[in-house]
Amino acid sequence: VKSGIVNATANMYVGDDLFVTDDGTFAGTVGVGGASPSVNYGINIDLDNPIVRGVNVISAAVPTNFNHYGFYSG
């Protein structure tokens, strides 16, 4: 399991899934957003099998096409 950075441009809801490519970049669409530019969540990604192992979106009211840079590790 590798560590790195997820680069996402998406809208997120609580409980939405997040997918990344094997180089750690965002790949997919995550829900639809709201009005606040903040989102808090925890993820654990295995880049040898690049599917999110767990995602916990705690607060996910975000604007359309926001950019998120989040550290992940496993």
N, C-alpha and C. Protein backbone atom coordinates (compact mmCIF):
# COMPACT_ATOMS: atom_id res chain seq x y z
N VAL A 1 0.85 -1.18 0.00
CA VAL A 1 0.00 0.00 0.00
C VAL A 1 0.89 1.23 0.00
N LYS A 2 0.64 2.11 -0.95
CA LYS A 2 1.47 3.29 -1.12
C LYS A 2 0.79 4.53 -0.58
N SER A 3 1.57 5.58 -0.37
CA SER A 3 1.03 6.86 0.07
C SER A 3 1.20 7.88 -1.04
N GLY A 4 0.36 8.88 -1.04
CA GLY A 4 0.47 9.91 -2.07
C GLY A 4 -0.59 10.96 -1.92
N ILE A 5 -0.96 11.58 -3.04
CA ILE A 5 -1.91 12.68 -3.03
C ILE A 5 -3.02 12.38 -4.03
N VAL A 6 -4.25 12.61 -3.60
CA VAL A 6 -5.38 12.52 -4.51
C VAL A 6 -5.69 13.91 -5.03
N ASN A 7 -5.75 14.06 -6.35
CA ASN A 7 -6.15 15.31 -6.97
C ASN A 7 -7.54 15.13 -7.55
N ALA A 8 -8.52 15.80 -6.98
CA ALA A 8 -9.91 15.58 -7.39
C ALA A 8 -10.56 16.88 -7.82
N THR A 9 -11.32 16.79 -8.90
CA THR A 9 -12.22 17.86 -9.29
C THR A 9 -13.60 17.25 -9.37
N ALA A 10 -14.43 17.53 -8.40
CA ALA A 10 -15.71 16.82 -8.31
C ALA A 10 -16.61 17.50 -7.31
N ASN A 11 -17.82 16.99 -7.23
CA ASN A 11 -18.75 17.38 -6.18
C ASN A 11 -18.98 16.17 -5.30
N MET A 12 -19.08 16.39 -4.00
CA MET A 12 -19.15 15.27 -3.08
C MET A 12 -20.34 15.36 -2.15
N TYR A 13 -20.90 14.19 -1.84
CA TYR A 13 -21.93 14.05 -0.82
C TYR A 13 -21.39 13.15 0.28
N VAL A 14 -21.97 13.25 1.46
CA VAL A 14 -21.61 12.33 2.54
C VAL A 14 -21.83 10.89 2.07
N GLY A 15 -20.82 10.06 2.26
CA GLY A 15 -20.93 8.66 1.92
C GLY A 15 -20.59 8.31 0.48
N ASP A 16 -20.26 9.31 -0.35
CA ASP A 16 -19.94 9.03 -1.74
C ASP A 16 -18.61 8.28 -1.86
N ASP A 17 -18.47 7.52 -2.93
CA ASP A 17 -17.24 6.78 -3.19
C ASP A 17 -16.27 7.62 -4.00
N LEU A 18 -14.98 7.38 -3.80
CA LEU A 18 -13.92 8.08 -4.52
C LEU A 18 -13.03 7.04 -5.17
N PHE A 19 -12.70 7.25 -6.43
CA PHE A 19 -11.82 6.35 -7.15
C PHE A 19 -10.59 7.11 -7.64
N VAL A 20 -9.44 6.42 -7.65
CA VAL A 20 -8.22 7.04 -8.16
C VAL A 20 -7.55 6.10 -9.14
N THR A 21 -6.72 6.67 -10.02
CA THR A 21 -5.91 5.87 -10.91
C THR A 21 -4.69 5.36 -10.16
N ASP A 22 -3.91 4.48 -10.82
CA ASP A 22 -2.77 3.91 -10.11
C ASP A 22 -1.62 4.89 -9.92
N ASP A 23 -1.71 6.08 -10.52
CA ASP A 23 -0.71 7.11 -10.23
C ASP A 23 -1.23 8.12 -9.23
N GLY A 24 -2.42 7.84 -8.66
CA GLY A 24 -2.92 8.67 -7.58
C GLY A 24 -3.77 9.84 -8.00
N THR A 25 -4.09 9.94 -9.30
CA THR A 25 -4.92 11.05 -9.74
C THR A 25 -6.39 10.65 -9.77
N PHE A 26 -7.23 11.63 -9.67
CA PHE A 26 -8.67 11.40 -9.60
C PHE A 26 -9.18 10.78 -10.89
N ALA A 27 -10.09 9.84 -10.77
CA ALA A 27 -10.69 9.21 -11.94
C ALA A 27 -12.13 8.86 -11.65
N GLY A 28 -13.03 9.75 -11.98
CA GLY A 28 -14.44 9.46 -11.77
C GLY A 28 -15.20 10.66 -11.26
N THR A 29 -16.49 10.49 -11.10
CA THR A 29 -17.36 11.54 -10.60
C THR A 29 -17.89 11.14 -9.24
N VAL A 30 -17.92 12.08 -8.33
CA VAL A 30 -18.34 11.78 -6.98
C VAL A 30 -19.51 12.67 -6.59
N GLY A 31 -20.71 12.16 -6.76
CA GLY A 31 -21.89 12.84 -6.27
C GLY A 31 -22.15 14.21 -6.89
N VAL A 32 -22.97 14.99 -6.19
CA VAL A 32 -23.22 16.38 -6.57
C VAL A 32 -23.09 17.24 -5.33
N GLY A 33 -22.80 18.51 -5.52
CA GLY A 33 -22.39 19.33 -4.39
C GLY A 33 -23.43 20.28 -3.85
N GLY A 34 -22.97 21.15 -2.98
CA GLY A 34 -23.82 22.13 -2.32
C GLY A 34 -23.18 23.50 -2.38
N ALA A 35 -23.24 24.24 -1.28
CA ALA A 35 -22.82 25.63 -1.30
C ALA A 35 -21.51 25.91 -0.60
N SER A 36 -21.07 25.05 0.29
CA SER A 36 -19.88 25.33 1.08
C SER A 36 -18.61 24.80 0.40
N PRO A 37 -17.51 25.56 0.46
CA PRO A 37 -16.27 25.10 -0.17
C PRO A 37 -15.42 24.18 0.70
N SER A 38 -16.02 23.54 1.69
CA SER A 38 -15.22 22.68 2.56
C SER A 38 -15.75 21.25 2.56
N VAL A 39 -14.84 20.30 2.71
CA VAL A 39 -15.22 18.90 2.82
C VAL A 39 -14.17 18.18 3.66
N ASN A 40 -14.63 17.35 4.56
CA ASN A 40 -13.73 16.59 5.42
C ASN A 40 -14.01 15.11 5.28
N TYR A 41 -12.98 14.31 5.02
CA TYR A 41 -13.18 12.88 4.92
C TYR A 41 -11.86 12.15 5.11
N GLY A 42 -11.95 10.87 5.35
CA GLY A 42 -10.77 10.03 5.49
C GLY A 42 -10.82 8.91 4.46
N ILE A 43 -9.67 8.62 3.83
CA ILE A 43 -9.62 7.56 2.83
C ILE A 43 -8.40 6.67 3.06
N ASN A 44 -8.48 5.46 2.54
CA ASN A 44 -7.38 4.52 2.60
C ASN A 44 -7.35 3.78 1.27
N ILE A 45 -6.30 4.00 0.50
CA ILE A 45 -6.25 3.49 -0.87
C ILE A 45 -5.07 2.54 -1.05
N ASP A 46 -5.34 1.40 -1.66
CA ASP A 46 -4.29 0.47 -2.04
C ASP A 46 -4.01 0.65 -3.52
N LEU A 47 -2.89 1.29 -3.86
CA LEU A 47 -2.62 1.60 -5.26
C LEU A 47 -2.17 0.39 -6.06
N ASP A 48 -1.87 -0.73 -5.38
CA ASP A 48 -1.60 -1.95 -6.12
C ASP A 48 -2.90 -2.54 -6.65
N ASN A 49 -4.01 -2.15 -6.06
CA ASN A 49 -5.34 -2.51 -6.52
C ASN A 49 -6.19 -1.27 -6.30
N PRO A 50 -6.07 -0.29 -7.23
CA PRO A 50 -6.49 1.08 -6.93
C PRO A 50 -7.99 1.30 -6.85
N ILE A 51 -8.57 0.77 -5.79
CA ILE A 51 -9.95 1.03 -5.44
C ILE A 51 -9.95 1.49 -3.99
N VAL A 52 -10.75 2.50 -3.71
CA VAL A 52 -10.78 3.01 -2.34
C VAL A 52 -11.21 1.92 -1.38
N ARG A 53 -10.44 1.72 -0.32
CA ARG A 53 -10.75 0.72 0.68
C ARG A 53 -11.77 1.22 1.69
N GLY A 54 -11.74 2.51 1.94
CA GLY A 54 -12.71 3.10 2.84
C GLY A 54 -12.79 4.59 2.61
N VAL A 55 -14.00 5.13 2.57
CA VAL A 55 -14.15 6.57 2.47
C VAL A 55 -15.23 7.01 3.44
N ASN A 56 -14.93 8.02 4.20
CA ASN A 56 -15.87 8.53 5.20
C ASN A 56 -15.99 10.02 4.99
N VAL A 57 -16.97 10.42 4.19
CA VAL A 57 -17.19 11.84 3.95
C VAL A 57 -18.03 12.39 5.09
N ILE A 58 -17.41 13.23 5.91
CA ILE A 58 -18.06 13.71 7.13
C ILE A 58 -18.95 14.91 6.83
N SER A 59 -18.40 15.87 6.08
CA SER A 59 -19.14 17.08 5.72
C SER A 59 -18.88 17.35 4.26
N ALA A 60 -19.92 17.29 3.44
CA ALA A 60 -19.66 17.32 2.00
C ALA A 60 -20.61 18.22 1.25
N ALA A 61 -20.73 19.45 1.69
CA ALA A 61 -21.42 20.45 0.87
C ALA A 61 -20.34 21.25 0.18
N VAL A 62 -20.16 21.03 -1.12
CA VAL A 62 -19.06 21.67 -1.85
C VAL A 62 -19.57 22.26 -3.15
N PRO A 63 -18.87 23.27 -3.69
CA PRO A 63 -19.32 23.90 -4.92
C PRO A 63 -18.98 23.04 -6.14
N THR A 64 -19.59 23.35 -7.26
CA THR A 64 -19.30 22.64 -8.49
C THR A 64 -17.84 22.83 -8.89
N ASN A 65 -17.21 21.72 -9.30
CA ASN A 65 -15.85 21.75 -9.83
C ASN A 65 -14.82 22.35 -8.85
N PHE A 66 -14.91 21.94 -7.61
CA PHE A 66 -13.86 22.35 -6.68
C PHE A 66 -12.63 21.48 -6.89
N ASN A 67 -11.47 21.99 -6.50
CA ASN A 67 -10.24 21.20 -6.55
C ASN A 67 -9.88 20.78 -5.14
N HIS A 68 -9.65 19.48 -4.97
CA HIS A 68 -9.26 18.97 -3.66
C HIS A 68 -7.93 18.27 -3.76
N TYR A 69 -7.04 18.57 -2.80
CA TYR A 69 -5.77 17.90 -2.73
C TYR A 69 -5.69 17.23 -1.36
N GLY A 70 -5.82 15.91 -1.35
CA GLY A 70 -5.89 15.22 -0.07
C GLY A 70 -4.83 14.15 0.05
N PHE A 71 -4.16 14.10 1.17
CA PHE A 71 -3.18 13.06 1.40
C PHE A 71 -3.87 11.74 1.74
N TYR A 72 -3.34 10.66 1.22
CA TYR A 72 -3.83 9.36 1.62
C TYR A 72 -2.66 8.46 1.98
N SER A 73 -2.90 7.51 2.83
CA SER A 73 -1.87 6.56 3.21
C SER A 73 -2.53 5.26 3.63
N GLY A 74 -1.76 4.20 3.66
CA GLY A 74 -2.32 2.92 4.05
C GLY A 74 -1.27 2.02 4.64
